[in-house]
PDB file of all heavy atoms in Angstrom:
ATOM      1  N   ALA A   1     -62.443  22.683  26.984  1.00  0.00           N
ATOM      2  CA  ALA A   1     -61.158  22.101  26.685  1.00  0.00           C
ATOM      3  C   ALA A   1     -61.279  21.152  25.456  1.00  0.00           C
ATOM      4  O   ALA A   1     -60.427  21.095  24.589  1.00  0.00           O
ATOM      5  CB  ALA A   1     -60.586  21.312  27.857  1.00  0.00           C
ATOM      6  N   LYS A   2     -62.371  20.380  25.374  1.00  0.00           N
ATOM      7  CA  LYS A   2     -62.582  19.435  24.281  1.00  0.00           C
ATOM      8  C   LYS A   2     -62.797  20.173  22.971  1.00  0.00           C
ATOM      9  O   LYS A   2     -62.217  19.774  21.949  1.00  0.00           O
ATOM     10  CB  LYS A   2     -63.763  18.556  24.637  1.00  0.00           C
ATOM     11  CG  LYS A   2     -63.962  17.380  23.681  1.00  0.00           C
ATOM     12  CD  LYS A   2     -65.146  16.477  24.053  1.00  0.00           C
ATOM     13  CE  LYS A   2     -65.294  15.323  23.115  1.00  0.00           C
ATOM     14  NZ  LYS A   2     -66.401  14.445  23.547  1.00  0.00           N
ATOM     15  N   GLN A   3     -63.610  21.250  23.004  1.00  0.00           N
ATOM     16  CA  GLN A   3     -63.850  21.947  21.773  1.00  0.00           C
ATOM     17  C   GLN A   3     -62.625  22.741  21.302  1.00  0.00           C
ATOM     18  O   GLN A   3     -62.364  22.806  20.101  1.00  0.00           O
ATOM     19  CB  GLN A   3     -64.993  22.997  22.042  1.00  0.00           C
ATOM     20  CG  GLN A   3     -66.349  22.315  22.244  1.00  0.00           C
ATOM     21  CD  GLN A   3     -67.414  23.447  22.246  1.00  0.00           C
ATOM     22  OE1 GLN A   3     -67.726  24.154  21.259  1.00  0.00           O
ATOM     23  NE2 GLN A   3     -68.218  23.516  23.330  1.00  0.00           N
ATOM     24  N   GLN A   4     -61.898  23.321  22.288  1.00  0.00           N
ATOM     25  CA  GLN A   4     -60.821  24.163  21.929  1.00  0.00           C
ATOM     26  C   GLN A   4     -59.487  23.417  21.817  1.00  0.00           C
ATOM     27  O   GLN A   4     -58.447  23.990  21.401  1.00  0.00           O
ATOM     28  CB  GLN A   4     -60.611  25.244  23.050  1.00  0.00           C
ATOM     29  CG  GLN A   4     -61.692  26.263  23.129  1.00  0.00           C
ATOM     30  CD  GLN A   4     -61.686  27.220  21.952  1.00  0.00           C
ATOM     31  OE1 GLN A   4     -62.138  26.906  20.903  1.00  0.00           O
ATOM     32  NE2 GLN A   4     -61.153  28.412  22.208  1.00  0.00           N
ATOM     33  N   LYS A   5     -59.434  22.148  22.180  1.00  0.00           N
ATOM     34  CA  LYS A   5     -58.230  21.393  22.136  1.00  0.00           C
ATOM     35  C   LYS A   5     -57.078  22.067  22.985  1.00  0.00           C
ATOM     36  O   LYS A   5     -55.963  22.205  22.550  1.00  0.00           O
ATOM     37  CB  LYS A   5     -57.734  21.226  20.706  1.00  0.00           C
ATOM     38  CG  LYS A   5     -58.729  20.606  19.733  1.00  0.00           C
ATOM     39  CD  LYS A   5     -59.128  19.211  20.087  1.00  0.00           C
ATOM     40  CE  LYS A   5     -60.112  18.612  19.104  1.00  0.00           C
ATOM     41  NZ  LYS A   5     -60.632  17.247  19.551  1.00  0.00           N
ATOM     42  N   ASN A   6     -57.472  22.503  24.203  1.00  0.00           N
ATOM     43  CA  ASN A   6     -56.539  23.176  25.058  1.00  0.00           C
ATOM     44  C   ASN A   6     -56.518  22.513  26.474  1.00  0.00           C
ATOM     45  O   ASN A   6     -57.249  21.535  26.700  1.00  0.00           O
ATOM     46  CB  ASN A   6     -56.781  24.708  25.149  1.00  0.00           C
ATOM     47  CG  ASN A   6     -58.108  24.982  25.802  1.00  0.00           C
ATOM     48  OD1 ASN A   6     -58.674  24.227  26.526  1.00  0.00           O
ATOM     49  ND2 ASN A   6     -58.638  26.186  25.459  1.00  0.00           N
ATOM     50  N   CYS A   7     -55.767  23.077  27.361  1.00  0.00           N
ATOM     51  CA  CYS A   7     -55.586  22.494  28.704  1.00  0.00           C
ATOM     52  C   CYS A   7     -56.317  23.136  29.777  1.00  0.00           C
ATOM     53  O   CYS A   7     -55.914  23.020  30.996  1.00  0.00           O
ATOM     54  CB  CYS A   7     -54.063  22.424  28.978  1.00  0.00           C
ATOM     55  SG  CYS A   7     -53.321  23.988  29.111  1.00  0.00           S
ATOM     56  N   VAL A   8     -57.352  23.940  29.479  1.00  0.00           N
ATOM     57  CA  VAL A   8     -58.026  24.753  30.508  1.00  0.00           C
ATOM     58  C   VAL A   8     -58.652  23.858  31.589  1.00  0.00           C
ATOM     59  O   VAL A   8     -58.642  24.167  32.762  1.00  0.00           O
ATOM     60  CB  VAL A   8     -59.119  25.638  29.839  1.00  0.00           C
ATOM     61  CG1 VAL A   8     -60.269  24.845  29.253  1.00  0.00           C
ATOM     62  CG2 VAL A   8     -59.583  26.670  30.915  1.00  0.00           C
ATOM     63  N   TYR A   9     -59.127  22.665  31.215  1.00  0.00           N
ATOM     64  CA  TYR A   9     -59.758  21.731  32.188  1.00  0.00           C
ATOM     65  C   TYR A   9     -58.703  21.080  33.071  1.00  0.00           C
ATOM     66  O   TYR A   9     -58.765  21.080  34.265  1.00  0.00           O
ATOM     67  CB  TYR A   9     -60.593  20.660  31.450  1.00  0.00           C
ATOM     68  CG  TYR A   9     -61.063  19.575  32.358  1.00  0.00           C
ATOM     69  CD1 TYR A   9     -62.087  19.775  33.258  1.00  0.00           C
ATOM     70  CD2 TYR A   9     -60.476  18.288  32.308  1.00  0.00           C
ATOM     71  CE1 TYR A   9     -62.527  18.741  34.094  1.00  0.00           C
ATOM     72  CE2 TYR A   9     -60.925  17.262  33.126  1.00  0.00           C
ATOM     73  CZ  TYR A   9     -61.924  17.465  34.002  1.00  0.00           C
ATOM     74  OH  TYR A   9     -62.379  16.468  34.852  1.00  0.00           O
ATOM     75  N   LYS A  10     -57.650  20.577  32.450  1.00  0.00           N
ATOM     76  CA  LYS A  10     -56.627  19.882  33.191  1.00  0.00           C
ATOM     77  C   LYS A  10     -55.772  20.755  34.037  1.00  0.00           C
ATOM     78  O   LYS A  10     -55.470  20.376  35.164  1.00  0.00           O
ATOM     79  CB  LYS A  10     -55.741  19.128  32.105  1.00  0.00           C
ATOM     80  CG  LYS A  10     -54.629  18.264  32.769  1.00  0.00           C
ATOM     81  CD  LYS A  10     -53.848  17.547  31.671  1.00  0.00           C
ATOM     82  CE  LYS A  10     -52.739  16.689  32.268  1.00  0.00           C
ATOM     83  NZ  LYS A  10     -51.942  15.987  31.186  1.00  0.00           N
ATOM     84  N   ASN A  11     -55.391  21.907  33.550  1.00  0.00           N
ATOM     85  CA  ASN A  11     -54.420  22.730  34.244  1.00  0.00           C
ATOM     86  C   ASN A  11     -54.997  23.893  35.026  1.00  0.00           C
ATOM     87  O   ASN A  11     -54.306  24.504  35.870  1.00  0.00           O
ATOM     88  CB  ASN A  11     -53.398  23.318  33.236  1.00  0.00           C
ATOM     89  CG  ASN A  11     -52.497  22.240  32.700  1.00  0.00           C
ATOM     90  OD1 ASN A  11     -52.599  21.076  33.139  1.00  0.00           O
ATOM     91  ND2 ASN A  11     -51.664  22.557  31.690  1.00  0.00           N
ATOM     92  N   TYR A  12     -56.235  24.292  34.717  1.00  0.00           N
ATOM     93  CA  TYR A  12     -56.747  25.526  35.384  1.00  0.00           C
ATOM     94  C   TYR A  12     -58.028  25.283  36.253  1.00  0.00           C
ATOM     95  O   TYR A  12     -58.433  26.233  36.896  1.00  0.00           O
ATOM     96  CB  TYR A  12     -57.080  26.550  34.286  1.00  0.00           C
ATOM     97  CG  TYR A  12     -55.872  27.071  33.653  1.00  0.00           C
ATOM     98  CD1 TYR A  12     -55.301  26.417  32.515  1.00  0.00           C
ATOM     99  CD2 TYR A  12     -55.249  28.227  34.062  1.00  0.00           C
ATOM    100  CE1 TYR A  12     -54.177  26.907  31.874  1.00  0.00           C
ATOM    101  CE2 TYR A  12     -54.083  28.704  33.473  1.00  0.00           C
ATOM    102  CZ  TYR A  12     -53.562  28.039  32.334  1.00  0.00           C
ATOM    103  OH  TYR A  12     -52.430  28.545  31.734  1.00  0.00           O
ATOM    104  N   SER A  13     -58.603  24.112  36.249  1.00  0.00           N
ATOM    105  CA  SER A  13     -59.841  23.867  37.000  1.00  0.00           C
ATOM    106  C   SER A  13     -59.701  24.179  38.502  1.00  0.00           C
ATOM    107  O   SER A  13     -60.460  24.944  39.087  1.00  0.00           O
ATOM    108  CB  SER A  13     -60.299  22.397  36.872  1.00  0.00           C
ATOM    109  OG  SER A  13     -60.643  22.103  35.600  1.00  0.00           O
ATOM    110  N   GLU A  14     -58.639  23.692  39.109  1.00  0.00           N
ATOM    111  CA  GLU A  14     -58.384  23.905  40.511  1.00  0.00           C
ATOM    112  C   GLU A  14     -58.057  25.354  40.818  1.00  0.00           C
ATOM    113  O   GLU A  14     -58.555  25.955  41.782  1.00  0.00           O
ATOM    114  CB  GLU A  14     -57.334  22.972  41.049  1.00  0.00           C
ATOM    115  CG  GLU A  14     -57.324  22.837  42.564  1.00  0.00           C
ATOM    116  CD  GLU A  14     -56.651  21.573  43.049  1.00  0.00           C
ATOM    117  OE1 GLU A  14     -57.038  20.425  42.587  1.00  0.00           O
ATOM    118  OE2 GLU A  14     -55.728  21.656  43.861  1.00  0.00           O
ATOM    119  N   ASP A  15     -57.166  25.950  40.047  1.00  0.00           N
ATOM    120  CA  ASP A  15     -56.818  27.373  40.224  1.00  0.00           C
ATOM    121  C   ASP A  15     -58.070  28.304  40.138  1.00  0.00           C
ATOM    122  O   ASP A  15     -58.204  29.266  40.866  1.00  0.00           O
ATOM    123  CB  ASP A  15     -55.763  27.803  39.255  1.00  0.00           C
ATOM    124  CG  ASP A  15     -54.378  27.215  39.498  1.00  0.00           C
ATOM    125  OD1 ASP A  15     -54.211  26.732  40.671  1.00  0.00           O
ATOM    126  OD2 ASP A  15     -53.516  27.287  38.605  1.00  0.00           O
ATOM    127  N   TYR A  16     -58.901  27.975  39.191  1.00  0.00           N
ATOM    128  CA  TYR A  16     -60.151  28.726  38.984  1.00  0.00           C
ATOM    129  C   TYR A  16     -61.080  28.528  40.211  1.00  0.00           C
ATOM    130  O   TYR A  16     -61.630  29.509  40.721  1.00  0.00           O
ATOM    131  CB  TYR A  16     -60.819  28.292  37.693  1.00  0.00           C
ATOM    132  CG  TYR A  16     -62.174  28.950  37.462  1.00  0.00           C
ATOM    133  CD1 TYR A  16     -62.415  30.301  37.473  1.00  0.00           C
ATOM    134  CD2 TYR A  16     -63.310  28.122  37.235  1.00  0.00           C
ATOM    135  CE1 TYR A  16     -63.616  30.871  37.237  1.00  0.00           C
ATOM    136  CE2 TYR A  16     -64.593  28.724  37.016  1.00  0.00           C
ATOM    137  CZ  TYR A  16     -64.693  30.062  37.011  1.00  0.00           C
ATOM    138  OH  TYR A  16     -65.948  30.670  36.777  1.00  0.00           O
ATOM    139  N   ALA A  17     -61.237  27.311  40.605  1.00  0.00           N
ATOM    140  CA  ALA A  17     -62.153  27.010  41.723  1.00  0.00           C
ATOM    141  C   ALA A  17     -61.740  27.750  43.073  1.00  0.00           C
ATOM    142  O   ALA A  17     -62.540  28.210  43.733  1.00  0.00           O
ATOM    143  CB  ALA A  17     -62.207  25.545  42.036  1.00  0.00           C
ATOM    144  N   TYR A  18     -60.401  27.889  43.272  1.00  0.00           N
ATOM    145  CA  TYR A  18     -59.894  28.508  44.463  1.00  0.00           C
ATOM    146  C   TYR A  18     -59.531  29.986  44.303  1.00  0.00           C
ATOM    147  O   TYR A  18     -58.936  30.588  45.216  1.00  0.00           O
ATOM    148  CB  TYR A  18     -58.679  27.726  45.006  1.00  0.00           C
ATOM    149  CG  TYR A  18     -59.105  26.463  45.673  1.00  0.00           C
ATOM    150  CD1 TYR A  18     -59.286  25.225  44.993  1.00  0.00           C
ATOM    151  CD2 TYR A  18     -59.283  26.445  47.069  1.00  0.00           C
ATOM    152  CE1 TYR A  18     -59.695  24.098  45.643  1.00  0.00           C
ATOM    153  CE2 TYR A  18     -59.702  25.275  47.729  1.00  0.00           C
ATOM    154  CZ  TYR A  18     -59.924  24.140  46.986  1.00  0.00           C
ATOM    155  OH  TYR A  18     -60.292  23.018  47.619  1.00  0.00           O
ATOM    156  N   GLY A  19     -59.944  30.564  43.186  1.00  0.00           N
ATOM    157  CA  GLY A  19     -59.770  31.990  42.996  1.00  0.00           C
ATOM    158  C   GLY A  19     -58.337  32.497  42.650  1.00  0.00           C
ATOM    159  O   GLY A  19     -58.023  33.653  42.764  1.00  0.00           O
ATOM    160  N   ASP A  20     -57.532  31.523  42.294  1.00  0.00           N
ATOM    161  CA  ASP A  20     -56.134  31.892  41.936  1.00  0.00           C
ATOM    162  C   ASP A  20     -56.056  32.556  40.518  1.00  0.00           C
ATOM    163  O   ASP A  20     -55.086  33.256  40.133  1.00  0.00           O
ATOM    164  CB  ASP A  20     -55.228  30.667  41.938  1.00  0.00           C
ATOM    165  CG  ASP A  20     -55.077  30.133  43.339  1.00  0.00           C
ATOM    166  OD1 ASP A  20     -55.303  30.878  44.307  1.00  0.00           O
ATOM    167  OD2 ASP A  20     -54.709  28.952  43.489  1.00  0.00           O
ATOM    168  N   THR A  21     -57.147  32.323  39.742  1.00  0.00           N
ATOM    169  CA  THR A  21     -57.238  32.918  38.390  1.00  0.00           C
ATOM    170  C   THR A  21     -58.676  32.910  37.995  1.00  0.00           C
ATOM    171  O   THR A  21     -59.526  32.193  38.594  1.00  0.00           O
ATOM    172  CB  THR A  21     -56.393  32.159  37.334  1.00  0.00           C
ATOM    173  OG1 THR A  21     -56.218  32.943  36.164  1.00  0.00           O
ATOM    174  CG2 THR A  21     -56.979  30.823  36.963  1.00  0.00           C
ATOM    175  N   ASP A  22     -59.027  33.650  36.946  1.00  0.00           N
ATOM    176  CA  ASP A  22     -60.462  33.757  36.457  1.00  0.00           C
ATOM    177  C   ASP A  22     -60.495  33.214  35.046  1.00  0.00           C
ATOM    178  O   ASP A  22     -59.707  33.620  34.186  1.00  0.00           O
ATOM    179  CB  ASP A  22     -61.016  35.144  36.476  1.00  0.00           C
ATOM    180  CG  ASP A  22     -61.050  35.738  37.861  1.00  0.00           C
ATOM    181  OD1 ASP A  22     -61.099  34.834  38.823  1.00  0.00           O
ATOM    182  OD2 ASP A  22     -61.022  36.897  38.057  1.00  0.00           O
ATOM    183  N   ILE A  23     -61.452  32.318  34.716  1.00  0.00           N
ATOM    184  CA  ILE A  23     -61.575  31.731  33.399  1.00  0.00           C
ATOM    185  C   ILE A  23     -62.932  32.160  32.759  1.00  0.00           C
ATOM    186  O   ILE A  23     -63.956  32.004  33.412  1.00  0.00           O
ATOM    187  CB  ILE A  23     -61.498  30.195  33.375  1.00  0.00           C
ATOM    188  CG1 ILE A  23     -60.169  29.754  34.028  1.00  0.00           C
ATOM    189  CG2 ILE A  23     -61.698  29.590  32.052  1.00  0.00           C
ATOM    190  CD1 ILE A  23     -58.951  30.189  33.219  1.00  0.00           C
ATOM    191  N   TYR A  24     -62.882  32.703  31.576  1.00  0.00           N
ATOM    192  CA  TYR A  24     -64.097  33.138  30.838  1.00  0.00           C
ATOM    193  C   TYR A  24     -64.131  32.547  29.440  1.00  0.00           C
ATOM    194  O   TYR A  24     -63.127  32.154  28.884  1.00  0.00           O
ATOM    195  CB  TYR A  24     -64.083  34.671  30.713  1.00  0.00           C
ATOM    196  CG  TYR A  24     -64.243  35.483  32.036  1.00  0.00           C
ATOM    197  CD1 TYR A  24     -63.104  35.788  32.738  1.00  0.00           C
ATOM    198  CD2 TYR A  24     -65.470  35.854  32.486  1.00  0.00           C
ATOM    199  CE1 TYR A  24     -63.199  36.474  33.921  1.00  0.00           C
ATOM    200  CE2 TYR A  24     -65.621  36.569  33.693  1.00  0.00           C
ATOM    201  CZ  TYR A  24     -64.474  36.888  34.411  1.00  0.00           C
ATOM    202  OH  TYR A  24     -64.649  37.580  35.574  1.00  0.00           O
ATOM    203  N   PHE A  25     -65.313  32.425  28.915  1.00  0.00           N
ATOM    204  CA  PHE A  25     -65.576  31.906  27.573  1.00  0.00           C
ATOM    205  C   PHE A  25     -66.193  33.029  26.734  1.00  0.00           C
ATOM    206  O   PHE A  25     -67.260  33.612  27.081  1.00  0.00           O
ATOM    207  CB  PHE A  25     -66.475  30.720  27.585  1.00  0.00           C
ATOM    208  CG  PHE A  25     -66.003  29.537  28.480  1.00  0.00           C
ATOM    209  CD1 PHE A  25     -66.950  28.684  29.020  1.00  0.00           C
ATOM    210  CD2 PHE A  25     -64.627  29.402  28.680  1.00  0.00           C
ATOM    211  CE1 PHE A  25     -66.503  27.651  29.808  1.00  0.00           C
ATOM    212  CE2 PHE A  25     -64.211  28.371  29.512  1.00  0.00           C
ATOM    213  CZ  PHE A  25     -65.122  27.465  30.083  1.00  0.00           C
ATOM    214  N   LEU A  26     -65.563  33.368  25.613  1.00  0.00           N
ATOM    215  CA  LEU A  26     -66.186  34.256  24.660  1.00  0.00           C
ATOM    216  C   LEU A  26     -66.895  33.421  23.617  1.00  0.00           C
ATOM    217  O   LEU A  26     -66.366  32.485  22.997  1.00  0.00           O
ATOM    218  CB  LEU A  26     -65.053  35.086  23.955  1.00  0.00           C
ATOM    219  CG  LEU A  26     -65.555  36.120  22.953  1.00  0.00           C
ATOM    220  CD1 LEU A  26     -64.648  37.350  22.945  1.00  0.00           C
ATOM    221  CD2 LEU A  26     -65.701  35.585  21.537  1.00  0.00           C
ATOM    222  N   ARG A  27     -68.249  33.742  23.371  1.00  0.00           N
ATOM    223  CA  ARG A  27     -69.066  32.957  22.429  1.00  0.00           C
ATOM    224  C   ARG A  27     -69.783  33.987  21.499  1.00  0.00           C
ATOM    225  O   ARG A  27     -69.817  35.191  21.766  1.00  0.00           O
ATOM    226  CB  ARG A  27     -70.101  32.070  23.204  1.00  0.00           C
ATOM    227  CG  ARG A  27     -69.518  31.227  24.280  1.00  0.00           C
ATOM    228  CD  ARG A  27     -69.000  29.918  23.671  1.00  0.00           C
ATOM    229  NE  ARG A  27     -68.271  29.108  24.523  1.00  0.00           N
ATOM    230  CZ  ARG A  27     -68.795  28.137  25.320  1.00  0.00           C
ATOM    231  NH1 ARG A  27     -70.066  27.934  25.324  1.00  0.00           N
ATOM    232  NH2 ARG A  27     -68.010  27.404  26.062  1.00  0.00           N
ATOM    233  N   GLU A  28     -70.327  33.424  20.454  1.00  0.00           N
ATOM    234  CA  GLU A  28     -71.187  34.227  19.591  1.00  0.00           C
ATOM    235  C   GLU A  28     -72.613  34.184  20.030  1.00  0.00           C
ATOM    236  O   GLU A  28     -73.046  33.069  20.470  1.00  0.00           O
ATOM    237  CB  GLU A  28     -71.065  33.698  18.148  1.00  0.00           C
ATOM    238  CG  GLU A  28     -69.700  33.913  17.502  1.00  0.00           C
ATOM    239  CD  GLU A  28     -69.561  33.394  16.124  1.00  0.00           C
ATOM    240  OE1 GLU A  28     -70.559  32.792  15.599  1.00  0.00           O
ATOM    241  OE2 GLU A  28     -68.549  33.542  15.450  1.00  0.00           O
TER     242      GLU A  28
END
């Protein structure tokens, strides 16, 4: 979230933890 300047940490942490959604990171 800090690198991307987005809300993935604030808005998606709990949903991801409980399986309501899946979060992935694409890297080089």
